Amino acid sequence: MNKDAKVVFTEYFGSISYLHDGLAFLLLLAAGIAWMIITAKKFNEGIQEQKNDGSDVFSVMVRGLAMLLILVAFLMSS
């Protein structure tokens, strides 16, 4: 890549670190929203069954939290 192309890329997209941080934030935001939607659907499904002991909703929440923690660890390592 020549010098002029690097300048154009930097002016258009911003610095690489800012671009990476922005994409990481958007990915975390999307994962968090998806986790909340899945948890809400599971909670509503459990209410409709009338024999909900809370363990299904809790397991969905724990799996979502683990997914977010792995995603944060992956993004912080780079």
PDB file of N, CA and C in Angstrom:
ATOM      1  N   MET A   1       0.856  -1.166   0.000  1.00  0.00           N
ATOM      2  CA  MET A   1       0.000   0.000   0.000  1.00  0.00           C
ATOM      3  C   MET A   1       0.906   1.234   0.000  1.00  0.00           C
ATOM      4  N   ASN A   2       0.658   2.158  -0.904  1.00  0.00           N
ATOM      5  CA  ASN A   2       1.504   3.345  -0.944  1.00  0.00           C
ATOM      6  C   ASN A   2       1.061   4.383   0.074  1.00  0.00           C
ATOM      7  N   LYS A   3       1.863   5.417   0.204  1.00  0.00           N
ATOM      8  CA  LYS A   3       1.634   6.427   1.236  1.00  0.00           C
ATOM      9  C   LYS A   3       0.317   7.177   1.027  1.00  0.00           C
ATOM     10  N   ASP A   4      -0.003   7.501  -0.220  1.00  0.00           N
ATOM     11  CA  ASP A   4      -1.248   8.231  -0.495  1.00  0.00           C
ATOM     12  C   ASP A   4      -2.484   7.396  -0.150  1.00  0.00           C
ATOM     13  N   ALA A   5      -2.425   6.100  -0.428  1.00  0.00           N
ATOM     14  CA  ALA A   5      -3.552   5.224  -0.099  1.00  0.00           C
ATOM     15  C   ALA A   5      -3.734   5.133   1.409  1.00  0.00           C
ATOM     16  N   LYS A   6      -2.635   5.098   2.150  1.00  0.00           N
ATOM     17  CA  LYS A   6      -2.729   5.062   3.616  1.00  0.00           C
ATOM     18  C   LYS A   6      -3.361   6.336   4.150  1.00  0.00           C
ATOM     19  N   VAL A   7      -2.995   7.476   3.571  1.00  0.00           N
ATOM     20  CA  VAL A   7      -3.569   8.755   4.012  1.00  0.00           C
ATOM     21  C   VAL A   7      -5.067   8.788   3.738  1.00  0.00           C
ATOM     22  N   VAL A   8      -5.476   8.350   2.548  1.00  0.00           N
ATOM     23  CA  VAL A   8      -6.898   8.341   2.200  1.00  0.00           C
ATOM     24  C   VAL A   8      -7.661   7.398   3.120  1.00  0.00           C
ATOM     25  N   PHE A   9      -7.106   6.210   3.387  1.00  0.00           N
ATOM     26  CA  PHE A   9      -7.759   5.254   4.271  1.00  0.00           C
ATOM     27  C   PHE A   9      -7.908   5.832   5.671  1.00  0.00           C
ATOM     28  N   THR A  10      -6.848   6.460   6.185  1.00  0.00           N
ATOM     29  CA  THR A  10      -6.887   7.026   7.535  1.00  0.00           C
ATOM     30  C   THR A  10      -7.884   8.175   7.615  1.00  0.00           C
ATOM     31  N   GLU A  11      -7.957   9.005   6.572  1.00  0.00           N
ATOM     32  CA  GLU A  11      -8.912  10.110   6.585  1.00  0.00           C
ATOM     33  C   GLU A  11     -10.356   9.597   6.514  1.00  0.00           C
ATOM     34  N   TYR A  12     -10.583   8.542   5.754  1.00  0.00           N
ATOM     35  CA  TYR A  12     -11.945   8.036   5.582  1.00  0.00           C
ATOM     36  C   TYR A  12     -12.415   7.228   6.783  1.00  0.00           C
ATOM     37  N   PHE A  13     -11.590   6.285   7.243  1.00  0.00           N
ATOM     38  CA  PHE A  13     -11.994   5.392   8.329  1.00  0.00           C
ATOM     39  C   PHE A  13     -11.498   5.826   9.701  1.00  0.00           C
ATOM     40  N   GLY A  14     -10.560   6.725   9.762  1.00  0.00           N
ATOM     41  CA  GLY A  14      -9.971   7.102  11.035  1.00  0.00           C
ATOM     42  C   GLY A  14      -8.806   6.192  11.349  1.00  0.00           C
ATOM     43  N   SER A  15      -8.240   6.397  12.495  1.00  0.00           N
ATOM     44  CA  SER A  15      -7.096   5.586  12.897  1.00  0.00           C
ATOM     45  C   SER A  15      -7.520   4.138  13.082  1.00  0.00           C
ATOM     46  N   ILE A  16      -6.595   3.240  12.870  1.00  0.00           N
ATOM     47  CA  ILE A  16      -6.910   1.808  12.971  1.00  0.00           C
ATOM     48  C   ILE A  16      -7.392   1.456  14.379  1.00  0.00           C
ATOM     49  N   SER A  17      -6.761   2.037  15.388  1.00  0.00           N
ATOM     50  CA  SER A  17      -7.180   1.708  16.758  1.00  0.00           C
ATOM     51  C   SER A  17      -8.601   2.201  17.022  1.00  0.00           C
ATOM     52  N   TYR A  18      -8.961   3.376  16.500  1.00  0.00           N
ATOM     53  CA  TYR A  18     -10.323   3.867  16.681  1.00  0.00           C
ATOM     54  C   TYR A  18     -11.323   2.976  15.953  1.00  0.00           C
ATOM     55  N   LEU A  19     -10.953   2.530  14.769  1.00  0.00           N
ATOM     56  CA  LEU A  19     -11.822   1.645  14.008  1.00  0.00           C
ATOM     57  C   LEU A  19     -12.022   0.327  14.754  1.00  0.00           C
ATOM     58  N   HIS A  20     -10.936  -0.230  15.283  1.00  0.00           N
ATOM     59  CA  HIS A  20     -11.020  -1.488  16.037  1.00  0.00           C
ATOM     60  C   HIS A  20     -11.863  -1.320  17.290  1.00  0.00           C
ATOM     61  N   ASP A  21     -11.653  -0.230  18.011  1.00  0.00           N
ATOM     62  CA  ASP A  21     -12.434   0.014  19.221  1.00  0.00           C
ATOM     63  C   ASP A  21     -13.913   0.205  18.907  1.00  0.00           C
ATOM     64  N   GLY A  22     -14.208   0.907  17.821  1.00  0.00           N
ATOM     65  CA  GLY A  22     -15.596   1.116  17.432  1.00  0.00           C
ATOM     66  C   GLY A  22     -16.286  -0.176  17.038  1.00  0.00           C
ATOM     67  N   LEU A  23     -15.589  -1.005  16.259  1.00  0.00           N
ATOM     68  CA  LEU A  23     -16.171  -2.293  15.867  1.00  0.00           C
ATOM     69  C   LEU A  23     -16.351  -3.207  17.073  1.00  0.00           C
ATOM     70  N   ALA A  24     -15.400  -3.179  17.996  1.00  0.00           N
ATOM     71  CA  ALA A  24     -15.520  -3.980  19.213  1.00  0.00           C
ATOM     72  C   ALA A  24     -16.731  -3.536  20.029  1.00  0.00           C
ATOM     73  N   PHE A  25     -16.929  -2.236  20.144  1.00  0.00           N
ATOM     74  CA  PHE A  25     -18.076  -1.716  20.887  1.00  0.00           C
ATOM     75  C   PHE A  25     -19.386  -2.137  20.230  1.00  0.00           C
ATOM     76  N   LEU A  26     -19.460  -2.030  18.899  1.00  0.00           N
ATOM     77  CA  LEU A  26     -20.680  -2.427  18.200  1.00  0.00           C
ATOM     78  C   LEU A  26     -20.946  -3.919  18.338  1.00  0.00           C
ATOM     79  N   LEU A  27     -19.892  -4.729  18.308  1.00  0.00           N
ATOM     80  CA  LEU A  27     -20.053  -6.167  18.479  1.00  0.00           C
ATOM     81  C   LEU A  27     -20.544  -6.497  19.889  1.00  0.00           C
ATOM     82  N   LEU A  28     -19.977  -5.843  20.888  1.00  0.00           N
ATOM     83  CA  LEU A  28     -20.443  -6.056  22.268  1.00  0.00           C
ATOM     84  C   LEU A  28     -21.886  -5.592  22.442  1.00  0.00           C
ATOM     85  N   LEU A  29     -22.225  -4.480  21.846  1.00  0.00           N
ATOM     86  CA  LEU A  29     -23.589  -3.973  21.945  1.00  0.00           C
ATOM     87  C   LEU A  29     -24.580  -4.935  21.296  1.00  0.00           C
ATOM     88  N   ALA A  30     -24.235  -5.443  20.121  1.00  0.00           N
ATOM     89  CA  ALA A  30     -25.109  -6.401  19.443  1.00  0.00           C
ATOM     90  C   ALA A  30     -25.243  -7.695  20.234  1.00  0.00           C
ATOM     91  N   ALA A  31     -24.141  -8.177  20.804  1.00  0.00           N
ATOM     92  CA  ALA A  31     -24.190  -9.400  21.609  1.00  0.00           C
ATOM     93  C   ALA A  31     -25.031  -9.187  22.869  1.00  0.00           C
ATOM     94  N   GLY A  32     -24.905  -8.025  23.495  1.00  0.00           N
ATOM     95  CA  GLY A  32     -25.699  -7.727  24.688  1.00  0.00           C
ATOM     96  C   GLY A  32     -27.181  -7.640  24.394  1.00  0.00           C
ATOM     97  N   ILE A  33     -27.522  -7.012  23.289  1.00  0.00           N
ATOM     98  CA  ILE A  33     -28.933  -6.909  22.901  1.00  0.00           C
ATOM     99  C   ILE A  33     -29.495  -8.290  22.569  1.00  0.00           C
ATOM    100  N   ALA A  34     -28.719  -9.089  21.854  1.00  0.00           N
ATOM    101  CA  ALA A  34     -29.175 -10.451  21.535  1.00  0.00           C
ATOM    102  C   ALA A  34     -29.366 -11.267  22.802  1.00  0.00           C
ATOM    103  N   TRP A  35     -28.455 -11.123  23.756  1.00  0.00           N
ATOM    104  CA  TRP A  35     -28.564 -11.845  25.030  1.00  0.00           C
ATOM    105  C   TRP A  35     -29.827 -11.429  25.769  1.00  0.00           C
ATOM    106  N   MET A  36     -30.139 -10.140  25.794  1.00  0.00           N
ATOM    107  CA  MET A  36     -31.345  -9.677  26.485  1.00  0.00           C
ATOM    108  C   MET A  36     -32.605 -10.196  25.798  1.00  0.00           C
ATOM    109  N   ILE A  37     -32.623 -10.217  24.469  1.00  0.00           N
ATOM    110  CA  ILE A  37     -33.795 -10.702  23.739  1.00  0.00           C
ATOM    111  C   ILE A  37     -34.009 -12.193  24.001  1.00  0.00           C
ATOM    112  N   ILE A  38     -32.926 -12.972  23.950  1.00  0.00           N
ATOM    113  CA  ILE A  38     -33.039 -14.416  24.199  1.00  0.00           C
ATOM    114  C   ILE A  38     -33.497 -14.681  25.623  1.00  0.00           C
ATOM    115  N   THR A  39     -32.963 -13.941  26.590  1.00  0.00           N
ATOM    116  CA  THR A  39     -33.366 -14.124  27.987  1.00  0.00           C
ATOM    117  C   THR A  39     -34.832 -13.747  28.186  1.00  0.00           C
ATOM    118  N   ALA A  40     -35.277 -12.662  27.571  1.00  0.00           N
ATOM    119  CA  ALA A  40     -36.681 -12.249  27.705  1.00  0.00           C
ATOM    120  C   ALA A  40     -37.620 -13.283  27.095  1.00  0.00           C
ATOM    121  N   LYS A  41     -37.251 -13.827  25.933  1.00  0.00           N
ATOM    122  CA  LYS A  41     -38.100 -14.856  25.318  1.00  0.00           C
ATOM    123  C   LYS A  41     -38.157 -16.108  26.177  1.00  0.00           C
ATOM    124  N   LYS A  42     -37.041 -16.504  26.737  1.00  0.00           N
ATOM    125  CA  LYS A  42     -37.020 -17.691  27.597  1.00  0.00           C
ATOM    126  C   LYS A  42     -37.831 -17.446  28.867  1.00  0.00           C
ATOM    127  N   PHE A  43     -37.757 -16.226  29.412  1.00  0.00           N
ATOM    128  CA  PHE A  43     -38.522 -15.886  30.598  1.00  0.00           C
ATOM    129  C   PHE A  43     -40.013 -15.930  30.305  1.00  0.00           C
ATOM    130  N   ASN A  44     -40.422 -15.366  29.174  1.00  0.00           N
ATOM    131  CA  ASN A  44     -41.846 -15.398  28.799  1.00  0.00           C
ATOM    132  C   ASN A  44     -42.314 -16.827  28.526  1.00  0.00           C
ATOM    133  N   GLU A  45     -41.468 -17.635  27.929  1.00  0.00           N
ATOM    134  CA  GLU A  45     -41.806 -19.041  27.689  1.00  0.00           C
ATOM    135  C   GLU A  45     -41.987 -19.780  29.012  1.00  0.00           C
ATOM    136  N   GLY A  46     -41.144 -19.465  29.984  1.00  0.00           N
ATOM    137  CA  GLY A  46     -41.250 -20.101  31.296  1.00  0.00           C
ATOM    138  C   GLY A  46     -42.494 -19.686  32.046  1.00  0.00           C
ATOM    139  N   ILE A  47     -42.921 -18.434  31.887  1.00  0.00           N
ATOM    140  CA  ILE A  47     -44.145 -17.964  32.538  1.00  0.00           C
ATOM    141  C   ILE A  47     -45.357 -18.681  31.952  1.00  0.00           C
ATOM    142  N   GLN A  48     -45.356 -18.922  30.652  1.00  0.00           N
ATOM    143  CA  GLN A  48     -46.487 -19.568  30.008  1.00  0.00           C
ATOM    144  C   GLN A  48     -46.604 -21.039  30.390  1.00  0.00           C
ATOM    145  N   GLU A  49     -45.510 -21.681  30.755  1.00  0.00           N
ATOM    146  CA  GLU A  49     -45.554 -23.098  31.129  1.00  0.00           C
ATOM    147  C   GLU A  49     -46.123 -23.323  32.526  1.00  0.00           C
ATOM    148  N   GLN A  50     -46.066 -22.330  33.390  1.00  0.00           N
ATOM    149  CA  GLN A  50     -46.594 -22.370  34.748  1.00  0.00           C
ATOM    150  C   GLN A  50     -45.890 -23.372  35.658  1.00  0.00           C
ATOM    151  N   LYS A  51     -44.857 -24.032  35.205  1.00  0.00           N
ATOM    152  CA  LYS A  51     -44.099 -24.922  36.079  1.00  0.00           C
ATOM    153  C   LYS A  51     -42.621 -24.536  36.047  1.00  0.00           C
ATOM    154  N   ASN A  52     -42.396 -23.250  35.919  1.00  0.00           N
ATOM    155  CA  ASN A  52     -41.044 -22.728  35.806  1.00  0.00           C
ATOM    156  C   ASN A  52     -40.405 -22.655  37.190  1.00  0.00           C
ATOM    157  N   ASP A  53     -39.252 -23.293  37.338  1.00  0.00           N
ATOM    158  CA  ASP A  53     -38.535 -23.193  38.600  1.00  0.00           C
ATOM    159  C   ASP A  53     -37.406 -22.174  38.523  1.00  0.00           C
ATOM    160  N   GLY A  54     -37.244 -21.523  37.403  1.00  0.00           N
ATOM    161  CA  GLY A  54     -36.226 -20.492  37.253  1.00  0.00           C
ATOM    162  C   GLY A  54     -34.890 -20.997  36.767  1.00  0.00           C
ATOM    163  N   SER A  55     -34.683 -22.303  36.743  1.00  0.00           N
ATOM    164  CA  SER A  55     -33.374 -22.822  36.353  1.00  0.00           C
ATOM    165  C   SER A  55     -33.114 -22.645  34.864  1.00  0.00           C
ATOM    166  N   ASP A  56     -34.153 -22.722  34.025  1.00  0.00           N
ATOM    167  CA  ASP A  56     -33.956 -22.534  32.587  1.00  0.00           C
ATOM    168  C   ASP A  56     -33.530 -21.105  32.280  1.00  0.00           C
ATOM    169  N   VAL A  57     -34.204 -20.142  32.883  1.00  0.00           N
ATOM    170  CA  VAL A  57     -33.862 -18.736  32.659  1.00  0.00           C
ATOM    171  C   VAL A  57     -32.467 -18.460  33.207  1.00  0.00           C
ATOM    172  N   PHE A  58     -32.150 -19.012  34.366  1.00  0.00           N
ATOM    173  CA  PHE A  58     -30.839 -18.807  34.948  1.00  0.00           C
ATOM    174  C   PHE A  58     -29.740 -19.394  34.066  1.00  0.00           C
ATOM    175  N   SER A  59     -29.970 -20.569  33.504  1.00  0.00           N
ATOM    176  CA  SER A  59     -28.950 -21.178  32.642  1.00  0.00           C
ATOM    177  C   SER A  59     -28.748 -20.367  31.371  1.00  0.00           C
ATOM    178  N   VAL A  60     -29.828 -19.805  30.819  1.00  0.00           N
ATOM    179  CA  VAL A  60     -29.691 -18.949  29.637  1.00  0.00           C
ATOM    180  C   VAL A  60     -28.902 -17.691  29.986  1.00  0.00           C
ATOM    181  N   MET A  61     -29.159 -17.125  31.149  1.00  0.00           N
ATOM    182  CA  MET A  61     -28.438 -15.930  31.555  1.00  0.00           C
ATOM    183  C   MET A  61     -26.960 -16.222  31.785  1.00  0.00           C
ATOM    184  N   VAL A  62     -26.656 -17.349  32.397  1.00  0.00           N
ATOM    185  CA  VAL A  62     -25.257 -17.702  32.654  1.00  0.00           C
ATOM    186  C   VAL A  62     -24.521 -17.958  31.347  1.00  0.00           C
ATOM    187  N   ARG A  63     -25.160 -18.650  30.413  1.00  0.00           N
ATOM    188  CA  ARG A  63     -24.520 -18.893  29.112  1.00  0.00           C
ATOM    189  C   ARG A  63     -24.292 -17.587  28.354  1.00  0.00           C
ATOM    190  N   GLY A  64     -25.242 -16.670  28.417  1.00  0.00           N
ATOM    191  CA  GLY A  64     -25.067 -15.371  27.764  1.00  0.00           C
ATOM    192  C   GLY A  64     -23.966 -14.556  28.394  1.00  0.00           C
ATOM    193  N   LEU A  65     -23.888 -14.593  29.716  1.00  0.00           N
ATOM    194  CA  LEU A  65     -22.829 -13.871  30.412  1.00  0.00           C
ATOM    195  C   LEU A  65     -21.461 -14.464  30.091  1.00  0.00           C
ATOM    196  N   ALA A  66     -21.375 -15.780  30.018  1.00  0.00           N
ATOM    197  CA  ALA A  66     -20.117 -16.421  29.648  1.00  0.00           C
ATOM    198  C   ALA A  66     -19.707 -16.035  28.233  1.00  0.00           C
ATOM    199  N   MET A  67     -20.680 -15.971  27.322  1.00  0.00           N
ATOM    200  CA  MET A  67     -20.390 -15.569  25.952  1.00  0.00           C
ATOM    201  C   MET A  67     -19.858 -14.141  25.909  1.00  0.00           C
ATOM    202  N   LEU A  68     -20.471 -13.240  26.670  1.00  0.00           N
ATOM    203  CA  LEU A  68     -20.002 -11.859  26.694  1.00  0.00           C
ATOM    204  C   LEU A  68     -18.615 -11.749  27.306  1.00  0.00           C
ATOM    205  N   LEU A  69     -18.334 -12.522  28.347  1.00  0.00           N
ATOM    206  CA  LEU A  69     -17.008 -12.480  28.969  1.00  0.00           C
ATOM    207  C   LEU A  69     -15.934 -12.992  28.014  1.00  0.00           C
ATOM    208  N   ILE A  70     -16.236 -14.050  27.271  1.00  0.00           N
ATOM    209  CA  ILE A  70     -15.281 -14.566  26.289  1.00  0.00           C
ATOM    210  C   ILE A  70     -15.060 -13.534  25.190  1.00  0.00           C
ATOM    211  N   LEU A  71     -16.114 -12.877  24.754  1.00  0.00           N
ATOM    212  CA  LEU A  71     -15.998 -11.860  23.723  1.00  0.00           C
ATOM    213  C   LEU A  71     -15.156 -10.677  24.213  1.00  0.00           C
ATOM    214  N   VAL A  72     -15.361 -10.252  25.435  1.00  0.00           N
ATOM    215  CA  VAL A  72     -14.558  -9.159  25.991  1.00  0.00           C
ATOM    216  C   VAL A  72     -13.100  -9.566  26.103  1.00  0.00           C
ATOM    217  N   ALA A  73     -12.838 -10.786  26.565  1.00  0.00           N
ATOM    218  CA  ALA A  73     -11.461 -11.263  26.672  1.00  0.00           C
ATOM    219  C   ALA A  73     -10.795 -11.325  25.308  1.00  0.00           C
ATOM    220  N   PHE A  74     -11.526 -11.760  24.296  1.00  0.00           N
ATOM    221  CA  PHE A  74     -10.985 -11.822  22.944  1.00  0.00           C
ATOM    222  C   PHE A  74     -10.663 -10.419  22.418  1.00  0.00           C
ATOM    223  N   LEU A  75     -11.555  -9.480  22.632  1.00  0.00           N
ATOM    224  CA  LEU A  75     -11.338  -8.134  22.118  1.00  0.00           C
ATOM    225  C   LEU A  75     -10.264  -7.386  22.901  1.00  0.00           C
ATOM    226  N   MET A  76     -10.114  -7.671  24.187  1.00  0.00           N
ATOM    227  CA  MET A  76      -9.088  -7.002  24.980  1.00  0.00           C
ATOM    228  C   MET A  76      -7.694  -7.554  24.692  1.00  0.00           C
ATOM    229  N   SER A  77      -7.598  -8.770  24.176  1.00  0.00           N
ATOM    230  CA  SER A  77      -6.296  -9.358  23.934  1.00  0.00           C
ATOM    231  C   SER A  77      -5.625  -8.792  22.688  1.00  0.00           C
ATOM    232  N   SER A  78      -6.401  -8.222  21.776  1.00  0.00           N
ATOM    233  CA  SER A  78      -5.786  -7.722  20.540  1.00  0.00           C
ATOM    234  C   SER A  78      -5.448  -6.259  20.640  1.00  0.00           C
TER     235      SER A  78
END
